[in-house]
Amino acid sequence: MKIARVVFNKFEEFIMMLGMIAMVTLNFTNVVFRYLFPQTPFSYTEELTLLIFIWVTMFGIACGYKWVSHTGLTVVTDLLPRMPKKAAVLFATLCSVGLFIMIFYQGVLMVQNQIRFEQILPGMKIPAATAGAAIPVCAVVVILRTIQAGFKEFRAIPAREGAE
């Protein structure tokens, strides 16, 4: 159970690390070959880099929630008493989960359309759904991390007034 928790806690960072290594390697190789050869054999690298960037960005959103460093304006909520602060955290968590449920749903529809119309990425000749799948797949991860962050923030509120 502990190994599964460690894997789950480091999952996004591992994916992002692999993605960043791949993007840097691809771009470096592309620049070197473009400089050495007028006709580069790596015409697809820009498209592949963009594909990887989409996945890395979506996993980055999940990391932001996991680290509880998502965009949040706490100027007002920090001044609230304990119960309204708990209500605000709960409301914000529910709104975030609701947003990513909508993003998941729209992402699924987008991928279905990409598959139905047989859209392909022109440089690599692979289905566009490969890039589009990042939206619904990562939306699920973000929903899990949002709930996790909401619980973390909710528990961080002191049990009684003045216990800070």
C-alpha atoms as a PDB file:
ATOM      1  CA  MET A   1       0.000   0.000   0.000  1.00  0.00           C
ATOM      2  CA  LYS A   2       2.838   2.381   0.840  1.00  0.00           C
ATOM      3  CA  ILE A   3       4.531   1.753  -2.526  1.00  0.00           C
ATOM      4  CA  ALA A   4       1.276   2.506  -4.343  1.00  0.00           C
ATOM      5  CA  ARG A   5       0.976   5.787  -2.412  1.00  0.00           C
ATOM      6  CA  VAL A   6       4.554   6.776  -3.285  1.00  0.00           C
ATOM      7  CA  VAL A   7       3.981   5.941  -6.955  1.00  0.00           C
ATOM      8  CA  PHE A   8       0.726   7.922  -6.958  1.00  0.00           C
ATOM      9  CA  ASN A   9       2.385  10.884  -5.225  1.00  0.00           C
ATOM     10  CA  LYS A  10       5.288  11.000  -7.704  1.00  0.00           C
ATOM     11  CA  PHE A  11       3.346  10.053 -10.851  1.00  0.00           C
ATOM     12  CA  GLU A  12       2.905  13.549 -12.312  1.00  0.00           C
ATOM     13  CA  GLU A  13       6.481  14.593 -11.593  1.00  0.00           C
ATOM     14  CA  PHE A  14       7.794  11.459 -13.305  1.00  0.00           C
ATOM     15  CA  ILE A  15       5.651  12.032 -16.407  1.00  0.00           C
ATOM     16  CA  MET A  16       6.647  15.707 -16.511  1.00  0.00           C
ATOM     17  CA  MET A  17      10.333  14.844 -16.081  1.00  0.00           C
ATOM     18  CA  LEU A  18      10.216  12.352 -18.952  1.00  0.00           C
ATOM     19  CA  GLY A  19       8.342  14.868 -21.091  1.00  0.00           C
ATOM     20  CA  MET A  20      10.815  17.657 -20.414  1.00  0.00           C
ATOM     21  CA  ILE A  21      13.786  15.391 -21.161  1.00  0.00           C
ATOM     22  CA  ALA A  22      12.145  14.301 -24.412  1.00  0.00           C
ATOM     23  CA  MET A  23      11.327  17.886 -25.448  1.00  0.00           C
ATOM     24  CA  VAL A  24      14.840  19.171 -24.730  1.00  0.00           C
ATOM     25  CA  THR A  25      16.423  16.205 -26.527  1.00  0.00           C
ATOM     26  CA  LEU A  26      14.127  16.563 -29.538  1.00  0.00           C
ATOM     27  CA  ASN A  27      14.661  20.304 -29.858  1.00  0.00           C
ATOM     28  CA  PHE A  28      18.425  20.057 -29.381  1.00  0.00           C
ATOM     29  CA  THR A  29      18.702  17.290 -31.964  1.00  0.00           C
ATOM     30  CA  ASN A  30      16.502  19.232 -34.362  1.00  0.00           C
ATOM     31  CA  VAL A  31      18.622  22.384 -34.019  1.00  0.00           C
ATOM     32  CA  VAL A  32      21.882  20.476 -34.499  1.00  0.00           C
ATOM     33  CA  PHE A  33      20.591  18.662 -37.579  1.00  0.00           C
ATOM     34  CA  ARG A  34      19.042  21.826 -38.989  1.00  0.00           C
ATOM     35  CA  TYR A  35      22.409  23.566 -38.620  1.00  0.00           C
ATOM     36  CA  LEU A  36      24.424  20.694 -40.127  1.00  0.00           C
ATOM     37  CA  PHE A  37      22.031  19.644 -42.881  1.00  0.00           C
ATOM     38  CA  PRO A  38      19.851  21.928 -45.004  1.00  0.00           C
ATOM     39  CA  GLN A  39      17.139  19.259 -45.231  1.00  0.00           C
ATOM     40  CA  THR A  40      16.538  17.941 -41.730  1.00  0.00           C
ATOM     41  CA  PRO A  41      15.331  14.348 -41.376  1.00  0.00           C
ATOM     42  CA  PHE A  42      13.417  15.364 -38.246  1.00  0.00           C
ATOM     43  CA  SER A  43      10.545  17.345 -39.727  1.00  0.00           C
ATOM     44  CA  TYR A  44       8.114  15.936 -37.191  1.00  0.00           C
ATOM     45  CA  THR A  45       9.951  17.098 -34.043  1.00  0.00           C
ATOM     46  CA  GLU A  46       8.051  20.360 -33.722  1.00  0.00           C
ATOM     47  CA  GLU A  47       4.760  18.502 -33.778  1.00  0.00           C
ATOM     48  CA  LEU A  48       6.002  15.851 -31.354  1.00  0.00           C
ATOM     49  CA  THR A  49       7.325  18.516 -28.998  1.00  0.00           C
ATOM     50  CA  LEU A  50       3.927  20.231 -29.029  1.00  0.00           C
ATOM     51  CA  LEU A  51       2.199  16.911 -28.340  1.00  0.00           C
ATOM     52  CA  ILE A  52       4.464  16.242 -25.357  1.00  0.00           C
ATOM     53  CA  PHE A  53       4.035  19.841 -24.170  1.00  0.00           C
ATOM     54  CA  ILE A  54       0.247  19.391 -24.038  1.00  0.00           C
ATOM     55  CA  TRP A  55       0.609  16.320 -21.823  1.00  0.00           C
ATOM     56  CA  VAL A  56       3.237  17.963 -19.593  1.00  0.00           C
ATOM     57  CA  THR A  57       1.057  21.046 -19.161  1.00  0.00           C
ATOM     58  CA  MET A  58      -1.974  19.019 -18.153  1.00  0.00           C
ATOM     59  CA  PHE A  59       0.041  17.013 -15.628  1.00  0.00           C
ATOM     60  CA  GLY A  60       1.485  20.324 -14.387  1.00  0.00           C
ATOM     61  CA  ILE A  61      -2.031  21.466 -13.499  1.00  0.00           C
ATOM     62  CA  ALA A  62      -2.466  18.302 -11.442  1.00  0.00           C
ATOM     63  CA  CYS A  63       0.837  19.010  -9.680  1.00  0.00           C
ATOM     64  CA  GLY A  64      -0.301  22.519  -8.890  1.00  0.00           C
ATOM     65  CA  TYR A  65      -3.328  21.137  -7.098  1.00  0.00           C
ATOM     66  CA  LYS A  66      -1.321  18.384  -5.410  1.00  0.00           C
ATOM     67  CA  TRP A  67       1.120  20.916  -3.975  1.00  0.00           C
ATOM     68  CA  VAL A  68      -1.825  23.167  -3.030  1.00  0.00           C
ATOM     69  CA  SER A  69      -0.220  25.897  -5.095  1.00  0.00           C
ATOM     70  CA  HIS A  70      -3.107  26.297  -7.484  1.00  0.00           C
ATOM     71  CA  THR A  71      -4.378  29.747  -8.206  1.00  0.00           C
ATOM     72  CA  GLY A  72      -6.174  30.942  -5.134  1.00  0.00           C
ATOM     73  CA  LEU A  73      -6.893  34.328  -3.678  1.00  0.00           C
ATOM     74  CA  THR A  74      -6.770  33.963   0.098  1.00  0.00           C
ATOM     75  CA  VAL A  75      -6.764  37.636   1.060  1.00  0.00           C
ATOM     76  CA  VAL A  76     -10.444  37.486   2.003  1.00  0.00           C
ATOM     77  CA  THR A  77     -10.659  33.896   3.211  1.00  0.00           C
ATOM     78  CA  ASP A  78      -7.690  34.327   5.569  1.00  0.00           C
ATOM     79  CA  LEU A  79      -9.706  36.944   7.429  1.00  0.00           C
ATOM     80  CA  LEU A  80     -12.742  34.696   7.835  1.00  0.00           C
ATOM     81  CA  PRO A  81     -13.599  32.845  11.025  1.00  0.00           C
ATOM     82  CA  ARG A  82     -13.196  29.073  11.086  1.00  0.00           C
ATOM     83  CA  MET A  83     -16.630  27.924   9.846  1.00  0.00           C
ATOM     84  CA  PRO A  84     -16.960  30.366   6.930  1.00  0.00           C
ATOM     85  CA  LYS A  85     -13.361  29.537   5.984  1.00  0.00           C
ATOM     86  CA  LYS A  86     -14.241  25.835   5.902  1.00  0.00           C
ATOM     87  CA  ALA A  87     -17.293  26.638   3.779  1.00  0.00           C
ATOM     88  CA  ALA A  88     -15.130  28.685   1.391  1.00  0.00           C
ATOM     89  CA  VAL A  89     -12.615  25.829   1.016  1.00  0.00           C
ATOM     90  CA  LEU A  90     -15.432  23.364   0.405  1.00  0.00           C
ATOM     91  CA  PHE A  91     -17.078  25.688  -2.137  1.00  0.00           C
ATOM     92  CA  ALA A  92     -13.794  26.306  -3.980  1.00  0.00           C
ATOM     93  CA  THR A  93     -13.042  22.578  -4.077  1.00  0.00           C
ATOM     94  CA  LEU A  94     -16.503  21.767  -5.423  1.00  0.00           C
ATOM     95  CA  CYS A  95     -16.218  24.509  -8.062  1.00  0.00           C
ATOM     96  CA  SER A  96     -12.817  23.214  -9.175  1.00  0.00           C
ATOM     97  CA  VAL A  97     -14.078  19.636  -9.347  1.00  0.00           C
ATOM     98  CA  GLY A  98     -17.128  20.827 -11.293  1.00  0.00           C
ATOM     99  CA  LEU A  99     -14.926  22.719 -13.738  1.00  0.00           C
ATOM    100  CA  PHE A 100     -12.729  19.709 -14.400  1.00  0.00           C
ATOM    101  CA  ILE A 101     -15.752  17.424 -14.767  1.00  0.00           C
ATOM    102  CA  MET A 102     -16.903  19.765 -17.553  1.00  0.00           C
ATOM    103  CA  ILE A 103     -13.391  19.792 -19.042  1.00  0.00           C
ATOM    104  CA  PHE A 104     -13.365  15.985 -18.901  1.00  0.00           C
ATOM    105  CA  TYR A 105     -16.744  15.761 -20.637  1.00  0.00           C
ATOM    106  CA  GLN A 106     -15.780  18.234 -23.366  1.00  0.00           C
ATOM    107  CA  GLY A 107     -12.424  16.489 -23.784  1.00  0.00           C
ATOM    108  CA  VAL A 108     -14.154  13.157 -24.325  1.00  0.00           C
ATOM    109  CA  LEU A 109     -16.417  14.750 -26.945  1.00  0.00           C
ATOM    110  CA  MET A 110     -13.389  16.316 -28.648  1.00  0.00           C
ATOM    111  CA  VAL A 111     -11.511  13.005 -28.773  1.00  0.00           C
ATOM    112  CA  GLN A 112     -14.603  11.232 -30.084  1.00  0.00           C
ATOM    113  CA  ASN A 113     -14.827  13.792 -32.909  1.00  0.00           C
ATOM    114  CA  GLN A 114     -11.124  13.463 -33.662  1.00  0.00           C
ATOM    115  CA  ILE A 115     -11.559   9.710 -33.968  1.00  0.00           C
ATOM    116  CA  ARG A 116     -14.832   9.918 -35.905  1.00  0.00           C
ATOM    117  CA  PHE A 117     -13.415  12.337 -38.485  1.00  0.00           C
ATOM    118  CA  GLU A 118     -10.095  10.467 -38.576  1.00  0.00           C
ATOM    119  CA  GLN A 119      -8.063  13.582 -37.856  1.00  0.00           C
ATOM    120  CA  ILE A 120      -4.332  13.039 -38.004  1.00  0.00           C
ATOM    121  CA  LEU A 121      -1.315  15.081 -37.054  1.00  0.00           C
ATOM    122  CA  PRO A 122       0.151  15.903 -40.481  1.00  0.00           C
ATOM    123  CA  GLY A 123       3.850  15.706 -39.594  1.00  0.00           C
ATOM    124  CA  MET A 124       3.779  12.406 -37.739  1.00  0.00           C
ATOM    125  CA  LYS A 125       0.755  10.821 -39.424  1.00  0.00           C
ATOM    126  CA  ILE A 126      -0.722   9.681 -36.107  1.00  0.00           C
ATOM    127  CA  PRO A 127      -4.260  10.267 -34.820  1.00  0.00           C
ATOM    128  CA  ALA A 128      -4.906  13.747 -33.408  1.00  0.00           C
ATOM    129  CA  ALA A 129      -6.676  11.979 -30.553  1.00  0.00           C
ATOM    130  CA  THR A 130      -3.191  11.201 -29.198  1.00  0.00           C
ATOM    131  CA  ALA A 131      -2.873  14.861 -28.255  1.00  0.00           C
ATOM    132  CA  GLY A 132      -6.550  15.343 -27.478  1.00  0.00           C
ATOM    133  CA  ALA A 133      -6.605  12.459 -25.010  1.00  0.00           C
ATOM    134  CA  ALA A 134      -4.483  14.572 -22.648  1.00  0.00           C
ATOM    135  CA  ILE A 135      -7.569  16.633 -21.811  1.00  0.00           C
ATOM    136  CA  PRO A 136      -9.886  13.925 -20.425  1.00  0.00           C
ATOM    137  CA  VAL A 137      -7.113  11.713 -19.032  1.00  0.00           C
ATOM    138  CA  CYS A 138      -5.453  14.522 -17.115  1.00  0.00           C
ATOM    139  CA  ALA A 139      -8.810  15.982 -16.076  1.00  0.00           C
ATOM    140  CA  VAL A 140      -9.384  12.796 -14.078  1.00  0.00           C
ATOM    141  CA  VAL A 141      -5.966  13.173 -12.427  1.00  0.00           C
ATOM    142  CA  VAL A 142      -6.702  16.853 -11.691  1.00  0.00           C
ATOM    143  CA  ILE A 143     -10.070  15.940 -10.146  1.00  0.00           C
ATOM    144  CA  LEU A 144      -8.349  13.458  -7.816  1.00  0.00           C
ATOM    145  CA  ARG A 145      -5.680  16.020  -6.900  1.00  0.00           C
ATOM    146  CA  THR A 146      -8.300  18.736  -6.376  1.00  0.00           C
ATOM    147  CA  ILE A 147     -10.159  16.557  -3.903  1.00  0.00           C
ATOM    148  CA  GLN A 148      -6.868  15.690  -2.200  1.00  0.00           C
ATOM    149  CA  ALA A 149      -5.902  19.381  -1.975  1.00  0.00           C
ATOM    150  CA  GLY A 150      -9.365  20.311  -0.696  1.00  0.00           C
ATOM    151  CA  PHE A 151      -9.079  17.790   2.136  1.00  0.00           C
ATOM    152  CA  LYS A 152      -5.572  19.024   2.922  1.00  0.00           C
ATOM    153  CA  GLU A 153      -6.708  22.649   3.076  1.00  0.00           C
ATOM    154  CA  PHE A 154      -9.852  21.748   5.033  1.00  0.00           C
ATOM    155  CA  ARG A 155      -7.843  19.839   7.657  1.00  0.00           C
ATOM    156  CA  ALA A 156      -5.316  22.678   7.903  1.00  0.00           C
ATOM    157  CA  ILE A 157      -7.985  25.011   9.274  1.00  0.00           C
ATOM    158  CA  PRO A 158      -7.623  25.075  13.062  1.00  0.00           C
ATOM    159  CA  ALA A 159     -10.154  23.044  15.053  1.00  0.00           C
ATOM    160  CA  ARG A 160     -11.124  26.081  17.140  1.00  0.00           C
ATOM    161  CA  GLU A 161     -10.808  29.828  16.979  1.00  0.00           C
ATOM    162  CA  GLY A 162      -7.449  31.209  18.039  1.00  0.00           C
ATOM    163  CA  ALA A 163      -5.702  27.809  17.776  1.00  0.00           C
ATOM    164  CA  GLU A 164      -3.432  29.073  15.029  1.00  0.00           C
END
